Protein backbone atom coordinates (compact mmCIF):
# COMPACT_ATOMS: atom_id res chain seq x y z
CA UNK A 1 14.49 -49.97 -7.52
CA UNK A 2 16.36 -46.74 -8.18
CA UNK A 3 16.09 -45.51 -11.76
CA UNK A 4 19.45 -44.71 -13.33
CA UNK A 5 20.46 -42.64 -16.35
CA UNK A 6 21.04 -45.80 -18.41
CA UNK A 7 17.37 -46.74 -17.98
CA UNK A 8 16.04 -43.66 -19.82
CA UNK A 9 18.94 -42.03 -21.72
CA UNK A 10 19.04 -41.48 -25.46
CA UNK A 11 21.64 -43.65 -27.16
CA UNK A 12 22.53 -40.97 -29.71
CA UNK A 13 25.53 -38.82 -28.77
CA UNK A 14 24.46 -35.38 -30.00
CA UNK A 15 27.83 -33.70 -30.41
CA UNK A 16 30.15 -31.78 -32.72
CA UNK A 17 33.92 -31.63 -32.91
CA UNK A 18 35.87 -28.63 -31.65
CA UNK A 19 36.56 -27.44 -35.20
CA UNK A 20 32.89 -27.57 -36.22
CA UNK A 21 31.76 -24.37 -37.91
CA UNK A 22 28.95 -22.09 -36.81
CA UNK A 23 26.79 -23.46 -39.63
CA UNK A 24 27.60 -27.06 -38.63
CA UNK A 25 26.41 -26.38 -35.07
CA UNK A 26 23.16 -24.79 -36.25
CA UNK A 27 22.56 -27.75 -38.57
CA UNK A 28 23.16 -30.27 -35.75
CA UNK A 29 20.69 -28.48 -33.47
CA UNK A 30 18.12 -28.36 -36.26
CA UNK A 31 18.60 -32.02 -37.21
CA UNK A 32 18.13 -33.34 -33.68
CA UNK A 33 15.69 -30.62 -32.51
CA UNK A 34 17.82 -29.72 -29.47
CA UNK A 35 18.77 -26.45 -27.80
CA UNK A 36 22.41 -27.36 -27.20
CA UNK A 37 25.14 -29.67 -28.48
CA UNK A 38 28.13 -31.14 -26.69
CA UNK A 39 31.57 -30.33 -28.06
CA UNK A 40 33.93 -33.32 -28.10
CA UNK A 41 37.61 -33.78 -28.82
CA UNK A 42 38.97 -36.30 -31.32
CA UNK A 43 38.75 -39.03 -28.65
CA UNK A 44 34.99 -38.37 -28.21
CA UNK A 45 35.50 -36.86 -24.75
CA UNK A 46 33.25 -33.88 -23.92
CA UNK A 47 35.14 -30.60 -23.53
CA UNK A 48 32.30 -28.07 -23.59
CA UNK A 49 28.77 -27.20 -24.66
CA UNK A 50 27.33 -24.77 -27.21
CA UNK A 51 23.76 -23.60 -26.60
CA UNK A 52 21.30 -21.63 -28.65
CA UNK A 53 22.00 -18.68 -26.36
CA UNK A 54 25.64 -18.79 -27.47
CA UNK A 55 24.63 -18.77 -31.12
CA UNK A 56 22.08 -16.00 -30.86
CA UNK A 57 24.80 -13.58 -29.75
CA UNK A 58 25.92 -13.58 -33.38
CA UNK A 59 22.65 -11.87 -34.27
CA UNK A 60 22.21 -9.47 -31.37
CA UNK A 61 25.84 -8.39 -30.84
CA UNK A 62 26.60 -6.79 -34.17
CA UNK A 63 29.17 -4.31 -32.84
CA UNK A 64 32.70 -5.53 -33.56
CA UNK A 65 34.48 -2.78 -31.64
CA UNK A 66 37.72 -3.46 -29.78
CA UNK A 67 37.48 -4.61 -26.16
CA UNK A 68 37.88 -1.78 -23.66
CA UNK A 69 38.87 -1.75 -20.01
CA UNK A 70 35.44 -0.39 -19.14
CA UNK A 71 33.63 -3.56 -20.19
CA UNK A 72 32.74 -6.25 -17.67
CA UNK A 73 34.18 -9.76 -18.05
CA UNK A 74 30.71 -10.97 -19.08
CA UNK A 75 30.42 -8.34 -21.81
CA UNK A 76 33.88 -9.17 -23.12
CA UNK A 77 32.96 -12.85 -23.20
CA UNK A 78 29.78 -12.07 -25.13
CA UNK A 79 31.71 -10.03 -27.70
CA UNK A 80 34.21 -12.89 -28.06
CA UNK A 81 31.45 -15.45 -28.64
CA UNK A 82 29.64 -13.17 -31.07
CA UNK A 83 32.80 -13.05 -33.19
CA UNK A 84 33.44 -16.81 -32.89
CA UNK A 85 33.42 -19.12 -35.89
CA UNK A 86 34.05 -22.57 -34.42
CA UNK A 87 32.68 -24.72 -31.61
CA UNK A 88 35.92 -24.34 -29.65
CA UNK A 89 35.50 -20.56 -29.67
CA UNK A 90 31.78 -20.65 -28.88
CA UNK A 91 31.59 -23.34 -26.22
CA UNK A 92 31.11 -22.95 -22.50
CA UNK A 93 33.49 -25.08 -20.44
CA UNK A 94 33.77 -27.43 -18.72
CA UNK A 95 31.13 -29.85 -19.98
CA UNK A 96 28.86 -31.08 -17.17
CA UNK A 97 28.42 -34.84 -17.59
CA UNK A 98 26.76 -37.90 -16.06
CA UNK A 99 27.48 -41.61 -16.31
CA UNK A 100 25.03 -44.46 -17.05
CA UNK A 101 24.96 -45.35 -13.35
CA UNK A 102 24.05 -41.86 -12.15
CA UNK A 103 20.71 -41.82 -10.36
CA UNK A 104 17.99 -39.97 -12.27
CA UNK A 105 17.24 -37.96 -9.14
CA UNK A 106 20.86 -36.72 -9.05
CA UNK A 107 20.87 -35.97 -12.79
CA UNK A 108 17.64 -33.99 -12.42
CA UNK A 109 19.16 -31.98 -9.58
CA UNK A 110 22.20 -31.19 -11.74
CA UNK A 111 19.96 -30.03 -14.58
CA UNK A 112 17.94 -27.83 -12.26
CA UNK A 113 20.90 -26.33 -10.42
CA UNK A 114 22.86 -25.61 -13.61
CA UNK A 115 19.81 -24.50 -15.63
CA UNK A 116 20.52 -26.93 -18.47
CA UNK A 117 18.13 -29.11 -20.44
CA UNK A 118 20.41 -31.97 -21.48
CA UNK A 119 23.53 -33.74 -20.27
CA UNK A 120 26.15 -35.75 -22.16
CA UNK A 121 26.46 -39.31 -20.87
CA UNK A 122 30.01 -40.61 -20.71
CA UNK A 123 31.50 -44.07 -20.28
CA UNK A 124 32.81 -44.60 -16.74
CA UNK A 125 36.16 -45.96 -17.87
CA UNK A 126 37.04 -44.10 -21.07
CA UNK A 127 35.28 -40.78 -20.49
CA UNK A 128 33.94 -40.96 -24.05
CA UNK A 129 30.46 -39.73 -24.84
CA UNK A 130 28.00 -42.57 -25.37
CA UNK A 131 24.61 -40.84 -25.26
CA UNK A 132 22.55 -37.84 -24.20
CA UNK A 133 20.13 -37.37 -21.34
CA UNK A 134 17.34 -34.88 -22.04
CA UNK A 135 14.82 -33.27 -19.70
CA UNK A 136 12.10 -35.31 -21.39
CA UNK A 137 14.02 -38.50 -20.54
CA UNK A 138 14.10 -37.52 -16.87
CA UNK A 139 10.36 -36.85 -16.84
CA UNK A 140 9.68 -40.33 -18.22
CA UNK A 141 10.02 -41.72 -14.68
CA UNK A 142 6.60 -40.21 -13.95
CA UNK A 143 5.01 -42.44 -16.62
CA UNK A 144 6.16 -45.70 -15.04
CA UNK A 145 3.47 -48.45 -15.08
CA UNK A 146 1.44 -48.54 -11.85
CA UNK A 147 2.24 -52.20 -11.24
CA UNK A 148 5.98 -51.54 -11.55
CA UNK A 149 5.79 -48.66 -9.10
CA UNK A 150 3.69 -50.70 -6.68
CA UNK A 151 6.22 -53.55 -6.80
CA UNK A 152 9.03 -51.13 -5.89
CA UNK A 153 7.00 -49.72 -3.01
CA UNK A 154 6.25 -53.17 -1.59
CA UNK A 155 9.91 -54.10 -1.89
CA UNK A 156 10.74 -50.93 0.03
CA UNK A 157 8.20 -51.09 2.88
CA UNK A 158 6.91 -54.67 2.89
CA UNK A 159 3.58 -56.26 1.99
CA UNK A 160 1.54 -55.58 5.13
CA UNK A 161 0.04 -52.32 3.79
CA UNK A 162 -2.58 -51.58 1.18
CA UNK A 163 -1.12 -49.75 -1.80
CA UNK A 164 -3.04 -48.11 -4.63
CA UNK A 165 -1.22 -46.30 -7.45
CA UNK A 166 -3.16 -43.97 -9.75
CA UNK A 167 -1.26 -41.78 -12.23
CA UNK A 168 1.76 -41.62 -9.95
CA UNK A 169 -0.24 -40.78 -6.81
CA UNK A 170 0.24 -43.46 -4.14
CA UNK A 171 -2.39 -44.12 -1.47
CA UNK A 172 -1.11 -46.14 1.47
CA UNK A 173 -3.38 -47.68 4.10
CA UNK A 174 -2.93 -49.90 7.15
CA UNK A 175 -2.00 -49.63 10.79
CA UNK A 176 1.32 -48.77 12.45
CA UNK A 177 2.38 -48.34 16.05
CA UNK A 178 3.09 -44.61 15.98
CA UNK A 179 2.49 -41.39 14.08
CA UNK A 180 6.21 -40.97 13.50
CA UNK A 181 6.31 -44.38 11.81
CA UNK A 182 3.51 -43.30 9.47
CA UNK A 183 5.39 -40.13 8.56
CA UNK A 184 8.59 -42.10 7.93
CA UNK A 185 6.81 -44.54 5.61
CA UNK A 186 5.23 -41.74 3.59
CA UNK A 187 8.58 -40.00 3.17
CA UNK A 188 10.28 -43.21 2.05
CA UNK A 189 7.64 -43.73 -0.63
CA UNK A 190 7.85 -40.10 -1.70
CA UNK A 191 11.58 -40.56 -2.45
CA UNK A 192 10.93 -43.23 -5.11
CA UNK A 193 11.40 -42.14 -8.71
CA UNK A 194 8.03 -41.81 -10.40
CA UNK A 195 5.98 -40.96 -7.32
CA UNK A 196 4.03 -37.75 -7.89
CA UNK A 197 2.49 -37.58 -4.40
CA UNK A 198 1.49 -39.77 -1.44
CA UNK A 199 -1.95 -39.87 0.20
CA UNK A 200 -1.66 -41.27 3.72
CA UNK A 201 -4.58 -43.30 5.11
CA UNK A 202 -2.50 -44.98 7.82
CA UNK A 203 -3.85 -45.24 11.34
CA UNK A 204 -1.67 -45.46 14.44
CA UNK A 205 -1.93 -46.40 18.10
CA UNK A 206 0.29 -43.71 19.54
CA UNK A 207 0.74 -40.07 18.61
CA UNK A 208 4.39 -39.39 19.36
CA UNK A 209 4.52 -36.20 17.34
CA UNK A 210 4.27 -33.01 19.33
CA UNK A 211 5.24 -29.38 18.97
CA UNK A 212 7.57 -27.73 21.38
CA UNK A 213 5.94 -24.73 23.12
CA UNK A 214 7.37 -21.39 22.03
CA UNK A 215 10.17 -20.03 24.18
CA UNK A 216 9.07 -16.77 25.76
């Protein structure tokens, strides 16, 4: 069974409106103990995100000098955010979102690639924000009960193998016809959400794995 966002997401939509003040944003982050908040429009659709990094510019960028042609686009953007007063002025756009049916593996990849720690969850049909997915929610897949994980593995590869699950580490035993089949089974198990590692104790009748000799 593939774990989806809806299986682990938080049902609280941690967000502020576009006209939220700097103080409102700080208060929201403090109240929910988060490092970022989603900015939504009046229809509850995400339009951007404000992070702690955006807010801290207010403290470190105290110079309010006019923008010059010698400044890089990044520096100009930092000055603009440092002078901002509302969420609309502070936010980074567009907002990166997921839906309840998004696979946790895909959501985790998005978080990693975009270097973000939470994602707004939107309704498939309306686009409105209905919850928040945090890094901690994603990591919950590694605390799945052993019996649940074992059931998923047996559904995936059948019941003719011995399976032992201990703290997310799966040990598989039995006999298959070839070494390549053993490798394929291990890789299939490794792809399941919640599997930390796979220890292979499979035996095989034929070693069909070989290395090509180097080309001289």
